[in-house]
């Protein structure tokens, strides 16, 4: 299969949330009770049952008024994916298209993918002891269909196609939008399979790091499991988890606050 990416043109997004609903429907993800925190964005953040989220953001424009920024958010599907590298159970893997899939049956709930993600996209669920994220509709793309979010987009803000063609389109569109516009994602971690055309400078957008980084210490497991295999790595995980307990607890507490829990 030819490597493909999804292009998100933020300048064309109207915040309709068609992509968000389509993701829920295709993946049979239930809705959850949330608390209104003074924003049209709902839920407040990505969740175990919300893999695609449209972010709503108000910013001051150059004339002193208010400008709405809408952005579809979800897994970036890195080419050199940290979540794949650190997973001791091989529950994260690369699809033929280049996107990153998840085998829920293999997931052991260690949350290393949650800690490793430089974009903070994976979400952990305590009741199932699993970590969830978008798989870029692997069932559809493997059958030459676009992801459900792309199919549902009414404005052409979302496109899916061969990498070279999508990147050419992205840079052309950025030039059309002017000096503040840029292409985001093509240079991180060997290139991501989600690429944005941002109409404003990257620092303006919430939850979009200008310089995403992965801590080198997280690759301990890659070296550890190599001579021992998955079973031994799973046993050793309990020992390593003691040192990671407070970091993971802090991350979960943040998720609960964002979700109104």
Protein backbone atom coordinates (compact mmCIF):
# COMPACT_ATOMS: atom_id res chain seq x y z
CA UNK A 1 0.00 0.00 0.00
CA UNK A 2 1.22 3.50 -0.86
CA UNK A 3 2.01 5.66 2.17
CA UNK A 4 -0.88 8.03 2.77
CA UNK A 5 -1.52 10.95 5.10
CA UNK A 6 -4.45 13.05 6.23
CA UNK A 7 -4.32 16.78 5.51
CA UNK A 8 -6.18 19.16 7.82
CA UNK A 9 -6.65 22.71 6.53
CA UNK A 10 -7.65 24.73 9.60
CA UNK A 11 -8.63 27.71 7.46
CA UNK A 12 -11.51 25.69 5.98
CA UNK A 13 -12.80 24.22 9.25
CA UNK A 14 -16.15 25.65 10.41
CA UNK A 15 -16.29 23.75 13.69
CA UNK A 16 -19.31 21.71 12.61
CA UNK A 17 -17.97 18.63 14.42
CA UNK A 18 -19.07 16.33 11.61
CA UNK A 19 -15.70 14.57 11.86
CA UNK A 20 -16.09 14.15 15.60
CA UNK A 21 -19.53 12.57 15.24
CA UNK A 22 -18.42 10.37 12.33
CA UNK A 23 -15.54 9.02 14.42
CA UNK A 24 -17.94 8.17 17.22
CA UNK A 25 -20.33 6.42 14.85
CA UNK A 26 -17.78 4.42 12.88
CA UNK A 27 -15.88 3.24 15.97
CA UNK A 28 -19.06 2.76 18.03
CA UNK A 29 -17.78 5.02 20.79
CA UNK A 30 -20.38 5.97 23.41
CA UNK A 31 -21.00 9.53 24.50
CA UNK A 32 -20.07 10.57 28.03
CA UNK A 33 -21.50 13.04 30.53
CA UNK A 34 -19.52 16.28 30.61
CA UNK A 35 -19.69 19.61 32.43
CA UNK A 36 -20.00 22.90 30.56
CA UNK A 37 -16.92 25.00 31.27
CA UNK A 38 -17.86 28.05 29.23
CA UNK A 39 -16.83 26.80 25.80
CA UNK A 40 -18.53 25.26 22.80
CA UNK A 41 -15.77 22.63 22.79
CA UNK A 42 -17.22 19.38 24.03
CA UNK A 43 -15.88 17.22 25.56
CA UNK A 44 -13.14 19.38 27.09
CA UNK A 45 -10.35 17.11 25.83
CA UNK A 46 -9.64 13.83 24.08
CA UNK A 47 -11.00 10.87 26.05
CA UNK A 48 -10.97 7.10 26.08
CA UNK A 49 -14.21 7.27 24.08
CA UNK A 50 -13.41 10.43 22.07
CA UNK A 51 -10.57 9.85 19.62
CA UNK A 52 -11.38 12.85 17.43
CA UNK A 53 -12.05 16.26 18.97
CA UNK A 54 -12.74 19.61 17.36
CA UNK A 55 -11.05 22.28 19.45
CA UNK A 56 -12.76 25.67 19.74
CA UNK A 57 -10.55 28.62 20.55
CA UNK A 58 -11.15 32.38 20.73
CA UNK A 59 -8.16 34.64 20.07
CA UNK A 60 -7.72 38.36 19.55
CA UNK A 61 -7.31 39.30 15.90
CA UNK A 62 -5.08 42.03 14.48
CA UNK A 63 -7.90 44.60 14.62
CA UNK A 64 -8.65 44.08 18.29
CA UNK A 65 -11.64 41.85 17.64
CA UNK A 66 -12.20 38.15 18.30
CA UNK A 67 -11.29 35.37 15.90
CA UNK A 68 -12.47 31.78 16.12
CA UNK A 69 -9.92 29.04 15.54
CA UNK A 70 -11.17 25.50 14.96
CA UNK A 71 -8.89 22.48 14.83
CA UNK A 72 -9.53 18.77 14.51
CA UNK A 73 -7.37 17.01 17.08
CA UNK A 74 -6.34 13.38 17.49
CA UNK A 75 -3.42 10.96 17.12
CA UNK A 76 -0.68 12.32 14.84
CA UNK A 77 0.44 8.84 13.65
CA UNK A 78 4.17 9.51 13.75
CA UNK A 79 6.41 7.76 11.27
CA UNK A 80 8.98 7.17 14.02
CA UNK A 81 6.37 6.51 16.70
CA UNK A 82 7.47 6.54 20.34
CA UNK A 83 4.35 4.63 21.41
CA UNK A 84 5.34 1.70 19.18
CA UNK A 85 8.89 1.73 20.52
CA UNK A 86 8.01 1.72 24.23
CA UNK A 87 5.08 -0.72 24.20
CA UNK A 88 6.29 -3.92 25.93
CA UNK A 89 3.32 -5.95 24.66
CA UNK A 90 3.55 -4.87 21.00
CA UNK A 91 -0.01 -3.59 21.20
CA UNK A 92 0.92 -0.58 19.07
CA UNK A 93 2.02 -1.31 15.52
CA UNK A 94 2.44 0.29 12.12
CA UNK A 95 -0.17 -0.25 9.41
CA UNK A 96 0.66 -0.57 5.73
CA UNK A 97 -0.57 2.99 5.16
CA UNK A 98 1.95 4.23 7.73
CA UNK A 99 -0.63 5.01 10.41
CA UNK A 100 -0.33 3.56 13.94
CA UNK A 101 -2.85 0.92 14.92
CA UNK A 102 -3.73 -0.57 18.31
CA UNK A 103 -4.42 -4.20 19.24
CA UNK A 104 -6.64 -3.83 22.31
CA UNK A 105 -6.35 -7.54 23.11
CA UNK A 106 -2.59 -7.17 23.60
CA UNK A 107 -2.70 -3.94 25.61
CA UNK A 108 -1.68 -4.54 29.25
CA UNK A 109 -2.56 -1.06 30.53
CA UNK A 110 1.00 -0.06 31.39
CA UNK A 111 0.37 3.48 30.06
CA UNK A 112 3.84 3.79 28.60
CA UNK A 113 2.31 4.95 25.32
CA UNK A 114 0.46 7.66 27.26
CA UNK A 115 3.69 8.90 28.82
CA UNK A 116 5.70 8.57 25.60
CA UNK A 117 3.41 10.42 23.20
CA UNK A 118 5.03 13.80 22.44
CA UNK A 119 1.63 15.16 21.39
CA UNK A 120 -0.34 13.79 24.40
CA UNK A 121 -2.97 11.88 22.42
CA UNK A 122 -3.39 8.44 24.04
CA UNK A 123 -6.04 8.12 26.72
CA UNK A 124 -6.16 5.47 29.46
CA UNK A 125 -9.34 3.86 30.85
CA UNK A 126 -9.15 2.37 34.33
CA UNK A 127 -12.14 0.02 34.05
CA UNK A 128 -10.74 -1.82 31.01
CA UNK A 129 -7.08 -1.14 31.85
CA UNK A 130 -6.43 -0.16 28.23
CA UNK A 131 -5.09 2.88 26.37
CA UNK A 132 -7.07 4.14 23.40
CA UNK A 133 -6.52 6.42 20.41
CA UNK A 134 -7.46 6.94 16.76
CA UNK A 135 -6.28 4.26 14.30
CA UNK A 136 -7.09 6.43 11.27
CA UNK A 137 -9.97 4.10 10.36
CA UNK A 138 -7.72 1.20 9.37
CA UNK A 139 -10.74 -0.92 8.38
CA UNK A 140 -11.72 1.71 5.84
CA UNK A 141 -8.32 2.74 4.47
CA UNK A 142 -7.26 -0.87 3.93
CA UNK A 143 -10.29 -1.15 1.64
CA UNK A 144 -9.49 2.03 -0.31
CA UNK A 145 -12.01 4.14 1.58
CA UNK A 146 -11.19 7.45 3.26
CA UNK A 147 -11.29 7.72 7.08
CA UNK A 148 -14.80 8.38 8.40
CA UNK A 149 -13.85 11.90 9.50
CA UNK A 150 -12.69 12.80 5.99
CA UNK A 151 -15.85 11.34 4.45
CA UNK A 152 -18.02 13.45 6.75
CA UNK A 153 -16.24 16.80 6.32
CA UNK A 154 -18.56 19.15 4.34
CA UNK A 155 -16.02 21.92 3.60
CA UNK A 156 -12.99 20.04 2.28
CA UNK A 157 -10.97 20.88 5.39
CA UNK A 158 -10.00 17.20 5.64
CA UNK A 159 -8.37 15.27 2.81
CA UNK A 160 -6.72 11.86 2.63
CA UNK A 161 -4.34 10.72 -0.07
CA UNK A 162 -0.83 9.84 -1.15
CA UNK A 163 1.80 11.55 0.96
CA UNK A 164 3.61 13.45 -1.79
CA UNK A 165 0.39 14.84 -3.27
CA UNK A 166 -0.97 15.89 0.12
CA UNK A 167 2.27 17.63 1.09
CA UNK A 168 2.35 19.52 -2.20
CA UNK A 169 -1.21 20.63 -1.58
CA UNK A 170 -0.38 21.63 2.00
CA UNK A 171 2.54 23.89 1.09
CA UNK A 172 0.61 25.44 -1.78
CA UNK A 173 -2.28 26.27 0.54
CA UNK A 174 0.06 27.72 3.18
CA UNK A 175 1.52 30.08 0.57
CA UNK A 176 -1.98 31.16 -0.40
CA UNK A 177 -2.90 31.97 3.21
CA UNK A 178 0.05 34.32 3.78
CA UNK A 179 2.96 34.90 6.11
CA UNK A 180 1.42 33.57 9.34
CA UNK A 181 0.42 30.26 7.77
CA UNK A 182 2.58 27.15 7.98
CA UNK A 183 2.62 23.39 7.48
CA UNK A 184 2.83 21.40 10.71
CA UNK A 185 3.78 17.76 11.19
CA UNK A 186 5.87 17.03 8.11
CA UNK A 187 9.20 17.36 9.95
CA UNK A 188 8.48 15.74 13.35
CA UNK A 189 9.58 12.15 14.12
CA UNK A 190 10.21 11.23 10.51
CA UNK A 191 7.00 12.95 9.47
CA UNK A 192 3.51 12.43 10.85
CA UNK A 193 0.56 10.97 8.97
CA UNK A 194 -1.59 13.86 10.11
CA UNK A 195 -0.39 17.14 8.59
CA UNK A 196 -1.91 20.55 9.33
CA UNK A 197 -2.12 23.73 7.35
CA UNK A 198 -2.23 26.30 10.15
CA UNK A 199 -3.57 29.73 9.27
CA UNK A 200 -1.93 31.25 12.38
CA UNK A 201 1.47 30.69 13.98
CA UNK A 202 1.73 27.37 15.77
CA UNK A 203 2.13 28.98 19.20
CA UNK A 204 -1.40 30.37 18.98
CA UNK A 205 -3.06 26.94 19.01
CA UNK A 206 -3.99 25.11 22.20
CA UNK A 207 -2.61 21.59 22.75
CA UNK A 208 -0.28 21.79 19.76
CA UNK A 209 3.39 21.80 20.83
CA UNK A 210 5.75 23.89 18.73
CA UNK A 211 8.65 21.54 19.49
CA UNK A 212 7.31 18.13 20.56
CA UNK A 213 9.90 15.96 22.29
CA UNK A 214 10.17 12.43 23.66
CA UNK A 215 12.18 11.81 26.84
CA UNK A 216 15.12 9.51 26.12
CA UNK A 217 14.53 7.65 29.41
CA UNK A 218 11.26 6.26 28.05
CA UNK A 219 13.16 4.08 25.61
CA UNK A 220 14.47 2.01 28.52
CA UNK A 221 11.93 -0.68 27.66
CA UNK A 222 13.11 -1.04 24.10
CA UNK A 223 16.54 -2.06 25.32
CA UNK A 224 15.20 -4.06 28.27
CA UNK A 225 12.80 -6.33 26.44
CA UNK A 226 15.15 -7.13 23.57
CA UNK A 227 17.03 -10.01 25.27
CA UNK A 228 14.11 -11.21 27.40
CA UNK A 229 10.96 -11.03 25.28
CA UNK A 230 7.49 -9.76 26.08
CA UNK A 231 6.76 -12.02 29.07
CA UNK A 232 9.88 -11.00 30.96
CA UNK A 233 9.34 -7.37 30.05
CA UNK A 234 5.81 -7.58 31.39
CA UNK A 235 7.10 -8.93 34.71
CA UNK A 236 9.82 -6.30 34.92
CA UNK A 237 7.28 -3.63 34.17
CA UNK A 238 5.96 -3.80 37.72
CA UNK A 239 9.36 -2.82 39.09
CA UNK A 240 9.77 0.10 36.71
CA UNK A 241 6.17 1.21 37.37
CA UNK A 242 7.04 2.10 40.98
CA UNK A 243 9.34 4.89 39.84
CA UNK A 244 6.75 6.05 37.27
CA UNK A 245 3.78 5.96 39.66
CA UNK A 246 3.62 9.63 40.59
CA UNK A 247 4.13 10.82 37.02
CA UNK A 248 1.30 8.62 35.73
CA UNK A 249 -0.97 9.58 38.65
CA UNK A 250 -0.46 13.26 37.86
CA UNK A 251 -1.34 12.63 34.22
CA UNK A 252 -4.55 10.78 35.13
CA UNK A 253 -5.57 13.48 37.61
CA UNK A 254 -5.19 16.05 34.83
CA UNK A 255 -7.41 13.98 32.54
CA UNK A 256 -10.11 13.69 35.21
CA UNK A 257 -10.09 17.44 35.79
CA UNK A 258 -10.36 18.11 32.06
CA UNK A 259 -13.27 15.67 31.76
CA UNK A 260 -15.11 17.22 34.66
CA UNK A 261 -14.52 14.26 36.96
